[in-house]
Amino acid sequence: MMDSPVGRHIFVILGGTGNLSLLKLLPALYQLLTQKSLKDRCQVLGVGTKDLGDEGFRDKAREALKDAGISSKEIDVWCDTCLHYQSLGKSSEDYSALLTRIESLEKENDIPGNRVFYLALPPSVFPAAIKGIGESGLNKSPGWIRIVIEKPFGRNLSSARELNSLVHRHFDEPQIYRIDHYLGKETVQNLLIFRFANTIFESIWNRDRIESVQITVAESIGIGERAKYYEKAGALRDIVQNHLAQLLTLTAMEVPAVFGADDIRDEKVKVLRSIPEIRAEDVIFGQYERGNIDNKKVQGYREEPGVAPDSSTETYVALRFQIDNWRWQGIPFYLRTGKRLPRRLTQIAVNFRHPPIFIFKPYSSCQIHSNRLLITLQPDEGFHLFFDVKEPEEALRLKTESFHFHYKEAFGPLPDAYQTLIFDIIQGDQTLFVRSDEVEAAWELFTPLLEKDIPVYSYTGGTWGPMEADKFIMRENMIWVNT
């Protein structure tokens, strides 16, 4: 969100030949670094265990860029002049060789020691990579140093604290970028603008006007080839602790003193610390079975390759809680996520209160509805504000209509989330990244649920989750918003 010059730097991708690098990072870097203002500002060094050499890595990058739909004459020039590769094993000598290679590239390209280390690695490898970077001296140079760590950051509160302790031995907090790609989405960032630049909404953003809030991250896909990871993670670790927690804090936070990274993150942490312990009876776990999505048969979770036939891993989570502060006291917040749901949808539904007195009772055909604000983060990014109007008939009849705004209509295609986040990294803007106390506060809230005996209900693939989730929200005479 800053707007400052980008210094010449080297962007090191540990895990340079992995899926994250090839599918997301390299296309995002290409789109960024071929812009006129950023040309010749960055050298990219892929690091991996494969013995590829520079040309082998460049060939993989070209293929990845073409697969990403990028068609440009500049691809070959960019790959040949900006992409490099270094093989890395597990010994300290390998990290010393990496340091030598980086220093050589910096000298050749007049880079003043500015370095980004992006850990595009499995979480189990994070500690070894951080230790290798720190003990080899890669984290010391005349310029700035930044390390980027993908989610999940830890598996529970204790492991998150251990990882924070390790990374803080070698890096200061302003150098650490804990990345959650959801925060790179334009619509997620725009939550701050939507709330704090438009007094019409901020003035009613409280317990006096709002009845409930629902936040949904729904996926129609299954786990694919991620069984090795997903069996150990489940939906609570994979989505709730990070993506949903981030959307929650941006929705519920107070107005920061200034629009700065730490001021915003201070307010997000306050939200998490204001949530009392979530009770087991306020949580529903589910696991998908065989079903149909878009008229295609899909297999159940236990039938996925690599999944144990008796697995109890949750692929669906719904939970309810309140935020104990002056703005939100007494207002229920509902969070849910699941795989093999009917469609891909990330949405925040803000349900406003009914009018205190219903003056249209004499008209039997007249039924009033609560106003609702839908903030859709994907796939059709935008906002819908629903309100009642009179239908043009003699009888008094109300119909719900909406004001709407769609990003594609106004601005065209939106940039990829990784493109936004990488630009913030090289600018040194931490606004959209998770601070150490924030990640620990989230784990402090959700770790107890991992230790509770919560039953896992089955649901048919292509439905909106287990029936128990519908009964769960109906306890307060509410229903899930699936629009």
Protein backbone atom coordinates (compact mmCIF):
# COMPACT_ATOMS: atom_id res chain seq x y z
CA MET A 1 0.00 0.00 0.00
CA MET A 2 3.06 2.23 0.17
CA ASP A 3 4.25 4.17 -2.84
CA SER A 4 8.03 4.37 -2.60
CA PRO A 5 10.91 3.57 -4.97
CA VAL A 6 12.03 -0.05 -5.15
CA GLY A 7 15.75 -0.58 -4.58
CA ARG A 8 17.82 -3.00 -6.64
CA HIS A 9 17.63 -6.40 -4.98
CA ILE A 10 17.93 -10.17 -5.35
CA PHE A 11 14.80 -12.29 -4.84
CA VAL A 12 15.78 -15.76 -3.58
CA ILE A 13 13.13 -18.49 -3.81
CA LEU A 14 13.95 -21.48 -1.62
CA GLY A 15 11.86 -24.21 -3.23
CA GLY A 16 12.35 -22.61 -6.62
CA THR A 17 11.23 -25.67 -8.61
CA GLY A 18 8.13 -26.41 -6.50
CA ASN A 19 4.49 -25.83 -7.42
CA LEU A 20 4.17 -22.56 -5.50
CA SER A 21 7.17 -21.09 -7.28
CA LEU A 22 6.19 -22.26 -10.77
CA LEU A 23 2.44 -21.67 -10.54
CA LYS A 24 2.33 -18.45 -8.52
CA LEU A 25 5.62 -16.74 -7.71
CA LEU A 26 7.38 -16.72 -11.08
CA PRO A 27 4.30 -15.50 -13.02
CA ALA A 28 3.69 -12.81 -10.38
CA LEU A 29 7.35 -11.74 -10.48
CA TYR A 30 7.31 -11.59 -14.27
CA GLN A 31 4.19 -9.41 -14.33
CA LEU A 32 5.73 -7.08 -11.76
CA LEU A 33 9.30 -6.92 -12.94
CA THR A 34 8.58 -6.29 -16.60
CA GLN A 35 6.82 -3.04 -15.73
CA LYS A 36 8.84 -0.02 -16.83
CA SER A 37 9.35 1.33 -13.30
CA LEU A 38 10.71 -2.00 -12.05
CA LYS A 39 12.76 -3.20 -15.01
CA ASP A 40 16.31 -4.18 -14.13
CA ARG A 41 15.59 -3.73 -10.41
CA CYS A 42 15.58 -7.43 -9.50
CA GLN A 43 17.51 -10.64 -10.06
CA VAL A 44 15.67 -13.86 -9.20
CA LEU A 45 17.60 -16.83 -7.80
CA GLY A 46 15.79 -20.14 -7.63
CA VAL A 47 17.14 -22.54 -5.01
CA GLY A 48 16.30 -26.23 -4.94
CA THR A 49 17.60 -29.76 -4.44
CA LYS A 50 17.50 -30.60 -8.15
CA ASP A 51 20.71 -30.28 -10.15
CA LEU A 52 19.31 -28.07 -12.92
CA GLY A 53 21.73 -25.25 -13.54
CA ASP A 54 20.65 -21.82 -14.80
CA GLU A 55 19.42 -23.06 -18.20
CA GLY A 56 17.38 -25.89 -16.75
CA PHE A 57 15.65 -23.50 -14.35
CA ARG A 58 15.01 -20.99 -17.11
CA ASP A 59 13.39 -23.69 -19.24
CA LYS A 60 11.06 -24.58 -16.36
CA ALA A 61 10.25 -20.91 -15.86
CA ARG A 62 9.40 -20.38 -19.54
CA GLU A 63 7.04 -23.34 -19.46
CA ALA A 64 5.44 -22.10 -16.24
CA LEU A 65 4.88 -18.61 -17.65
CA LYS A 66 3.28 -19.97 -20.81
CA ASP A 67 1.06 -22.30 -18.72
CA ALA A 68 -0.01 -19.22 -16.76
CA GLY A 69 -1.32 -17.70 -19.99
CA ILE A 70 1.49 -15.18 -20.38
CA SER A 71 2.34 -14.60 -24.01
CA SER A 72 5.06 -12.07 -24.59
CA LYS A 73 8.25 -11.65 -26.57
CA GLU A 74 9.88 -10.46 -23.34
CA ILE A 75 9.70 -13.87 -21.64
CA ASP A 76 12.95 -15.13 -23.16
CA VAL A 77 14.79 -11.89 -22.44
CA TRP A 78 13.58 -11.83 -18.83
CA CYS A 79 14.46 -15.46 -18.21
CA ASP A 80 17.92 -15.15 -19.77
CA THR A 81 18.86 -11.94 -17.97
CA CYS A 82 17.05 -12.15 -14.61
CA LEU A 83 16.71 -15.84 -13.67
CA HIS A 84 19.42 -17.93 -12.02
CA TYR A 85 19.57 -21.21 -10.14
CA GLN A 86 21.57 -22.66 -7.27
CA SER A 87 21.41 -26.27 -6.09
CA LEU A 88 21.18 -26.67 -2.32
CA GLY A 89 21.62 -29.69 -0.08
CA LYS A 90 21.31 -29.94 3.69
CA SER A 91 24.85 -29.19 4.82
CA SER A 92 26.19 -25.86 6.06
CA GLU A 93 28.64 -25.87 3.13
CA ASP A 94 25.68 -25.65 0.74
CA TYR A 95 24.46 -22.48 2.43
CA SER A 96 27.98 -21.08 2.26
CA ALA A 97 27.98 -21.80 -1.47
CA LEU A 98 24.59 -20.05 -1.71
CA LEU A 99 26.07 -17.00 0.01
CA THR A 100 28.97 -16.97 -2.45
CA ARG A 101 26.56 -17.16 -5.40
CA ILE A 102 24.38 -14.35 -4.04
CA GLU A 103 27.36 -12.10 -3.44
CA SER A 104 28.58 -12.82 -6.97
CA LEU A 105 25.18 -11.90 -8.49
CA GLU A 106 25.05 -8.75 -6.37
CA LYS A 107 28.47 -7.68 -7.64
CA GLU A 108 27.63 -8.44 -11.28
CA ASN A 109 24.33 -6.53 -11.15
CA ASP A 110 25.30 -3.64 -8.88
CA ILE A 111 22.93 -4.75 -6.08
CA PRO A 112 23.77 -3.11 -2.71
CA GLY A 113 23.05 -6.18 -0.56
CA ASN A 114 19.24 -5.98 -0.67
CA ARG A 115 17.84 -9.52 -0.35
CA VAL A 116 14.47 -11.27 -0.14
CA PHE A 117 14.39 -14.89 1.02
CA TYR A 118 11.05 -16.50 0.12
CA LEU A 119 10.45 -19.88 1.80
CA ALA A 120 8.31 -21.62 -0.84
CA LEU A 121 8.79 -24.84 1.12
CA PRO A 122 6.77 -27.39 3.10
CA PRO A 123 6.19 -26.12 6.67
CA SER A 124 8.27 -28.98 8.08
CA VAL A 125 11.35 -27.53 6.36
CA PHE A 126 10.90 -23.95 7.62
CA PRO A 127 13.10 -24.36 10.74
CA ALA A 128 16.04 -25.89 8.84
CA ALA A 129 15.89 -23.20 6.15
CA ILE A 130 15.71 -20.35 8.68
CA LYS A 131 18.60 -21.82 10.64
CA GLY A 132 20.67 -22.33 7.47
CA ILE A 133 20.12 -18.74 6.35
CA GLY A 134 20.97 -17.34 9.75
CA GLU A 135 24.01 -19.45 10.61
CA SER A 136 25.60 -18.95 7.18
CA GLY A 137 25.43 -15.17 7.42
CA LEU A 138 22.99 -14.80 4.54
CA ASN A 139 20.94 -12.57 6.83
CA LYS A 140 23.72 -9.98 7.08
CA SER A 141 24.57 -7.46 4.38
CA PRO A 142 24.96 -3.70 3.87
CA GLY A 143 21.43 -3.51 2.43
CA TRP A 144 18.01 -4.57 3.67
CA ILE A 145 17.10 -8.22 4.32
CA ARG A 146 13.55 -9.68 4.31
CA ILE A 147 12.34 -13.23 4.87
CA VAL A 148 8.93 -14.43 3.69
CA ILE A 149 7.26 -17.39 5.42
CA GLU A 150 4.18 -19.06 3.95
CA LYS A 151 1.25 -20.31 6.00
CA PRO A 152 0.63 -22.40 7.99
CA PHE A 153 2.86 -20.75 10.58
CA GLY A 154 2.95 -23.58 13.12
CA ARG A 155 0.48 -26.37 13.85
CA ASN A 156 -0.72 -25.07 17.20
CA LEU A 157 0.15 -22.40 19.76
CA SER A 158 3.30 -24.06 21.09
CA SER A 159 4.77 -24.77 17.63
CA ALA A 160 3.97 -21.23 16.47
CA ARG A 161 5.80 -19.83 19.48
CA GLU A 162 8.78 -22.09 18.78
CA LEU A 163 8.90 -20.97 15.15
CA ASN A 164 8.63 -17.31 16.17
CA SER A 165 11.45 -17.79 18.66
CA LEU A 166 13.64 -19.40 15.98
CA VAL A 167 13.07 -16.77 13.31
CA HIS A 168 13.60 -13.97 15.86
CA ARG A 169 17.07 -15.34 16.61
CA HIS A 170 18.14 -14.49 13.08
CA PHE A 171 15.76 -11.71 11.98
CA ASP A 172 14.09 -8.71 13.56
CA GLU A 173 10.30 -8.48 13.35
CA PRO A 174 10.37 -5.67 10.70
CA GLN A 175 12.30 -8.10 8.46
CA ILE A 176 9.73 -10.92 8.76
CA TYR A 177 6.83 -11.24 6.30
CA ARG A 178 4.36 -13.98 7.31
CA ILE A 179 2.30 -14.26 4.17
CA ASP A 180 -1.38 -15.13 3.81
CA HIS A 181 -2.29 -14.80 0.14
CA TYR A 182 -5.91 -13.93 1.02
CA LEU A 183 -4.67 -10.56 2.26
CA GLY A 184 -3.33 -9.81 -1.21
CA LYS A 185 -6.77 -9.83 -2.78
CA GLU A 186 -7.91 -6.35 -3.79
CA THR A 187 -11.33 -6.84 -2.19
CA VAL A 188 -9.79 -7.85 1.13
CA GLN A 189 -7.63 -4.74 1.13
CA ASN A 190 -10.64 -2.67 0.14
CA LEU A 191 -12.42 -3.69 3.36
CA LEU A 192 -10.34 -1.03 5.10
CA ILE A 193 -11.26 1.61 2.51
CA PHE A 194 -14.90 0.53 2.44
CA ARG A 195 -15.23 0.87 6.21
CA PHE A 196 -13.03 3.80 7.08
CA ALA A 197 -13.45 6.05 4.03
CA ASN A 198 -17.25 5.81 3.89
CA THR A 199 -18.96 7.16 6.99
CA ILE A 200 -22.34 5.82 5.83
CA PHE A 201 -21.09 2.33 6.70
CA GLU A 202 -18.74 2.97 9.61
CA SER A 203 -21.48 4.84 11.49
CA ILE A 204 -23.71 1.73 11.47
CA TRP A 205 -20.90 -0.82 11.89
CA ASN A 206 -21.83 -1.82 15.45
CA ARG A 207 -24.10 -3.79 17.77
CA ASP A 208 -26.87 -1.16 17.55
CA ARG A 209 -27.47 -1.71 13.84
CA ILE A 210 -26.05 -5.14 13.05
CA GLU A 211 -27.76 -8.40 14.05
CA SER A 212 -25.13 -10.94 12.98
CA VAL A 213 -22.09 -11.48 10.75
CA GLN A 214 -21.29 -14.54 8.65
CA ILE A 215 -17.94 -15.17 6.97
CA THR A 216 -17.70 -18.04 4.47
CA VAL A 217 -14.76 -19.57 2.61
CA ALA A 218 -16.26 -22.31 0.44
CA GLU A 219 -14.45 -24.51 -2.07
CA SER A 220 -15.97 -26.89 -4.60
CA ILE A 221 -12.70 -28.80 -5.00
CA GLY A 222 -11.57 -31.71 -2.86
CA ILE A 223 -8.09 -32.16 -1.47
CA GLY A 224 -6.61 -33.34 -4.78
CA GLU A 225 -3.08 -34.62 -4.21
CA ARG A 226 -2.65 -32.89 -0.85
CA ALA A 227 -3.56 -35.86 1.35
CA LYS A 228 -0.13 -36.00 2.98
CA TYR A 229 -0.55 -32.43 4.18
CA TYR A 230 -4.32 -32.36 4.69
CA GLU A 231 -4.52 -35.49 6.83
CA LYS A 232 -2.29 -33.74 9.38
CA ALA A 233 -3.92 -30.34 9.01
CA GLY A 234 -7.67 -30.45 8.44
CA ALA A 235 -9.89 -27.46 7.71
CA LEU A 236 -9.33 -25.77 11.07
CA ARG A 237 -5.58 -25.46 10.55
CA ASP A 238 -5.76 -25.02 6.77
CA ILE A 239 -8.34 -22.22 6.57
CA VAL A 240 -9.88 -21.14 9.89
CA GLN A 241 -6.74 -20.22 11.83
CA ASN A 242 -5.39 -18.06 9.03
CA HIS A 243 -7.71 -17.04 6.15
CA LEU A 244 -10.92 -16.81 8.16
CA ALA A 245 -9.19 -15.24 11.15
CA GLN A 246 -7.77 -12.53 8.88
CA LEU A 247 -11.15 -11.76 7.30
CA LEU A 248 -12.70 -11.64 10.77
CA THR A 249 -10.18 -9.15 12.14
CA LEU A 250 -10.49 -6.82 9.16
CA THR A 251 -14.28 -6.93 9.47
CA ALA A 252 -14.42 -6.33 13.22
CA MET A 253 -11.38 -4.13 13.98
CA GLU A 254 -11.59 -0.61 15.35
CA VAL A 255 -10.46 2.45 13.41
CA PRO A 256 -6.64 2.65 13.62
CA ALA A 257 -4.98 5.88 14.73
CA VAL A 258 -3.27 6.19 11.33
CA PHE A 259 -3.19 4.09 8.19
CA GLY A 260 0.07 2.36 9.04
CA ALA A 261 1.14 -1.27 9.18
CA ASP A 262 1.57 -1.59 12.94
CA ASP A 263 -1.47 0.57 13.74
CA ILE A 264 -3.68 -1.71 11.61
CA ARG A 265 -2.15 -4.87 13.02
CA ASP A 266 -2.54 -3.57 16.59
CA GLU A 267 -6.30 -3.33 16.05
CA LYS A 268 -6.48 -6.80 14.46
CA VAL A 269 -4.78 -8.34 17.48
CA LYS A 270 -7.25 -6.62 19.82
CA VAL A 271 -10.12 -8.36 18.02
CA LEU A 272 -8.61 -11.82 18.53
CA ARG A 273 -7.87 -11.10 22.18
CA SER A 274 -11.47 -9.96 22.75
CA ILE A 275 -12.96 -13.35 21.78
CA PRO A 276 -13.68 -15.61 24.77
CA GLU A 277 -12.87 -19.31 24.60
CA ILE A 278 -15.01 -21.01 21.93
CA ARG A 279 -17.16 -23.80 23.40
CA ALA A 280 -17.27 -27.26 21.83
CA GLU A 281 -21.04 -26.94 21.42
CA ASP A 282 -20.47 -23.89 19.22
CA VAL A 283 -18.39 -25.83 16.68
CA ILE A 284 -19.46 -28.23 13.92
CA PHE A 285 -16.94 -30.44 12.10
CA GLY A 286 -17.81 -32.26 8.88
CA GLN A 287 -16.24 -34.55 6.30
CA TYR A 288 -17.43 -34.86 2.70
CA GLU A 289 -18.76 -38.08 1.19
CA ARG A 290 -19.57 -38.99 -2.41
CA GLY A 291 -21.78 -36.55 -4.23
CA ASN A 292 -22.33 -34.46 -7.35
CA ILE A 293 -20.95 -31.03 -8.25
CA ASP A 294 -21.84 -29.40 -11.57
CA ASN A 295 -23.45 -32.69 -12.65
CA LYS A 296 -20.22 -34.59 -12.09
CA LYS A 297 -19.77 -37.36 -9.56
CA VAL A 298 -17.14 -36.68 -6.90
CA GLN A 299 -15.60 -39.16 -4.49
CA GLY A 300 -15.66 -38.95 -0.73
CA TYR A 301 -12.77 -37.75 1.38
CA ARG A 302 -11.85 -41.25 2.58
CA GLU A 303 -11.66 -42.37 -1.05
CA GLU A 304 -9.10 -39.71 -1.98
CA PRO A 305 -5.57 -41.03 -2.74
CA GLY A 306 -3.47 -41.16 0.41
CA VAL A 307 -6.34 -40.71 2.89
CA ALA A 308 -6.77 -43.31 5.63
CA PRO A 309 -9.99 -45.34 5.20
CA ASP A 310 -11.01 -44.51 8.77
CA SER A 311 -9.83 -40.88 8.73
CA SER A 312 -11.59 -38.46 11.08
CA THR A 313 -9.96 -35.34 9.56
CA GLU A 314 -12.45 -32.49 9.21
CA THR A 315 -12.98 -30.97 5.77
CA TYR A 316 -15.71 -28.61 7.04
CA VAL A 317 -15.83 -26.30 10.04
CA ALA A 318 -18.60 -24.01 11.25
CA LEU A 319 -18.28 -22.10 14.48
CA ARG A 320 -19.97 -19.35 16.46
CA PHE A 321 -18.56 -16.84 18.93
CA GLN A 322 -18.92 -13.30 20.20
CA ILE A 323 -16.45 -10.44 20.51
CA ASP A 324 -16.44 -8.96 23.99
CA ASN A 325 -15.92 -5.28 23.30
CA TRP A 326 -18.07 -2.16 23.16
CA ARG A 327 -18.65 -2.31 19.41
CA TRP A 328 -19.71 -5.96 19.11
CA GLN A 329 -20.91 -7.17 22.52
CA GLY A 330 -23.78 -9.64 22.08
CA ILE A 331 -23.51 -9.95 18.28
CA PRO A 332 -22.94 -13.51 17.01
CA PHE A 333 -20.19 -14.09 14.45
CA TYR A 334 -20.41 -17.24 12.35
CA LEU A 335 -17.40 -18.59 10.46
CA ARG A 336 -17.49 -21.58 8.12
CA THR A 337 -15.33 -23.25 5.54
CA GLY A 338 -15.53 -26.51 3.65
CA LYS A 339 -14.39 -28.51 0.68
CA ARG A 340 -16.70 -30.11 -1.88
CA LEU A 341 -19.36 -27.47 -1.30
CA PRO A 342 -21.58 -26.47 -4.25
CA ARG A 343 -19.35 -23.66 -5.48
CA ARG A 344 -16.29 -21.57 -4.78
CA LEU A 345 -17.24 -18.58 -2.66
CA THR A 346 -15.52 -16.25 -0.22
CA GLN A 347 -18.00 -13.85 1.28
CA ILE A 348 -18.78 -11.67 4.28
CA ALA A 349 -22.49 -11.28 5.03
CA VAL A 350 -23.42 -8.44 7.37
CA ASN A 351 -27.05 -8.81 8.47
CA PHE A 352 -28.66 -5.66 9.82
CA ARG A 353 -31.44 -5.49 12.40
CA HIS A 354 -35.14 -5.35 11.55
CA PRO A 355 -36.93 -2.03 12.05
CA PRO A 356 -37.93 -1.74 15.74
CA ILE A 357 -41.62 -1.46 14.80
CA PHE A 358 -43.25 -3.09 11.78
CA ILE A 359 -45.84 -0.57 10.62
CA PHE A 360 -47.04 -2.65 7.65
CA LYS A 361 -48.87 -5.34 9.67
CA PRO A 362 -52.32 -4.46 8.23
CA TYR A 363 -51.10 -5.54 4.79
CA SER A 364 -51.07 -9.33 4.66
CA SER A 365 -49.10 -9.38 1.43
CA CYS A 366 -46.32 -7.27 2.93
CA GLN A 367 -43.31 -9.02 4.43
CA ILE A 368 -40.25 -7.08 5.50
CA HIS A 369 -36.70 -8.38 5.25
CA SER A 370 -33.53 -7.37 7.04
CA ASN A 371 -31.08 -5.25 5.09
CA ARG A 372 -27.97 -7.19 4.21
CA LEU A 373 -24.54 -6.25 2.94
CA LEU A 374 -22.70 -8.93 0.99
CA ILE A 375 -18.99 -8.41 0.44
CA THR A 376 -17.84 -10.99 -2.10
CA LEU A 377 -14.10 -11.59 -2.21
CA GLN A 378 -14.18 -14.32 -4.85
CA PRO A 379 -15.05 -15.25 -7.50
CA ASP A 380 -17.16 -12.23 -8.56
CA GLU A 381 -15.51 -9.54 -6.44
CA GLY A 382 -17.76 -6.74 -5.30
CA PHE A 383 -20.48 -5.52 -2.94
CA HIS A 384 -24.26 -5.93 -2.80
CA LEU A 385 -26.48 -3.96 -0.42
CA PHE A 386 -29.97 -5.47 -0.21
CA PHE A 387 -33.00 -3.34 0.71
CA ASP A 388 -36.79 -3.46 0.36
CA VAL A 389 -38.80 -1.45 -2.19
CA LYS A 390 -42.50 -1.33 -3.05
CA GLU A 391 -43.54 -3.28 -6.11
CA PRO A 392 -45.52 -1.19 -8.63
CA GLU A 393 -48.93 -2.67 -7.85
CA GLU A 394 -52.07 -1.44 -6.10
CA ALA A 395 -51.54 -3.78 -3.15
CA LEU A 396 -48.67 -2.92 -0.86
CA ARG A 397 -46.07 -5.55 -1.60
CA LEU A 398 -42.35 -5.37 -0.81
CA LYS A 399 -39.56 -6.75 -2.93
CA THR A 400 -35.88 -7.01 -2.09
CA GLU A 401 -33.52 -5.32 -4.55
CA SER A 402 -29.86 -4.35 -4.34
CA PHE A 403 -27.28 -1.72 -5.04
CA HIS A 404 -24.18 -3.39 -6.37
CA PHE A 405 -20.58 -2.75 -7.36
CA HIS A 406 -18.38 -5.19 -9.26
CA TYR A 407 -14.65 -4.70 -9.60
CA LYS A 408 -14.45 -6.16 -13.09
CA GLU A 409 -17.08 -3.73 -14.37
CA ALA A 410 -15.23 -0.75 -12.89
CA PHE A 411 -11.57 -1.66 -13.27
CA GLY A 412 -11.27 -4.76 -15.44
CA PRO A 413 -9.28 -7.83 -14.36
CA LEU A 414 -7.72 -7.62 -10.89
CA PRO A 415 -4.05 -8.35 -10.24
CA ASP A 416 -3.11 -11.69 -8.73
CA ALA A 417 -2.84 -11.66 -4.93
CA TYR A 418 0.80 -12.78 -5.03
CA GLN A 419 1.64 -9.93 -7.38
CA THR A 420 0.29 -7.45 -4.83
CA LEU A 421 2.05 -9.07 -1.89
CA ILE A 422 5.42 -9.43 -3.63
CA PHE A 423 5.31 -5.74 -4.54
CA ASP A 424 4.67 -4.90 -0.87
CA ILE A 425 7.59 -7.12 0.17
CA ILE A 426 10.10 -5.42 -2.11
CA GLN A 427 8.76 -2.03 -1.02
CA GLY A 428 9.04 -2.96 2.67
CA ASP A 429 5.32 -2.53 3.46
CA GLN A 430 4.11 -4.98 6.16
CA THR A 431 0.47 -3.83 6.28
CA LEU A 432 -0.87 -7.01 4.65
CA PHE A 433 1.38 -9.41 6.57
CA VAL A 434 0.82 -11.13 9.89
CA ARG A 435 2.79 -10.03 12.94
CA SER A 436 4.15 -12.47 15.55
CA ASP A 437 1.65 -11.55 18.28
CA GLU A 438 -1.20 -11.80 15.77
CA VAL A 439 -0.37 -15.34 14.67
CA GLU A 440 0.02 -16.42 18.31
CA ALA A 441 -3.27 -14.78 19.30
CA ALA A 442 -5.04 -16.71 16.52
CA TRP A 443 -3.50 -20.00 17.62
CA GLU A 444 -4.35 -19.22 21.24
CA LEU A 445 -7.99 -18.96 20.18
CA PHE A 446 -8.20 -22.06 17.98
CA THR A 447 -5.69 -24.50 19.51
CA PRO A 448 -8.13 -25.55 22.30
CA LEU A 449 -10.55 -26.75 19.60
CA LEU A 450 -7.88 -29.15 18.33
CA GLU A 451 -7.73 -30.68 21.79
CA LYS A 452 -11.50 -31.09 22.26
CA ASP A 453 -13.47 -34.18 21.31
CA ILE A 454 -15.66 -32.66 18.61
CA PRO A 455 -17.68 -35.15 16.50
CA VAL A 456 -17.16 -35.14 12.73
CA TYR A 457 -20.44 -35.32 10.79
CA SER A 458 -20.66 -36.48 7.20
CA TYR A 459 -22.10 -34.42 4.37
CA THR A 460 -22.76 -35.17 0.73
CA GLY A 461 -20.36 -33.60 -1.76
CA GLY A 462 -22.13 -30.74 -3.53
CA THR A 463 -24.18 -29.67 -0.50
CA TRP A 464 -23.51 -26.79 1.90
CA GLY A 465 -22.25 -29.02 4.69
CA PRO A 466 -23.72 -31.34 7.32
CA MET A 467 -27.33 -30.94 8.44
CA GLU A 468 -26.03 -30.32 11.94
CA ALA A 469 -24.59 -27.00 10.73
CA ASP A 470 -28.06 -25.85 9.63
CA LYS A 471 -29.59 -26.87 12.96
CA PHE A 472 -26.70 -25.16 14.71
CA ILE A 473 -27.39 -21.72 13.22
CA MET A 474 -31.17 -22.12 13.45
CA ARG A 475 -30.86 -22.10 17.24
CA GLU A 476 -30.91 -18.30 16.90
CA ASN A 477 -33.54 -18.28 14.15
CA MET A 478 -30.95 -17.67 11.45
CA ILE A 479 -29.95 -19.39 8.24
CA TRP A 480 -26.71 -19.53 6.30
CA VAL A 481 -26.32 -16.99 3.50
CA ASN A 482 -25.44 -18.97 0.36
CA THR A 483 -26.09 -16.21 -2.22
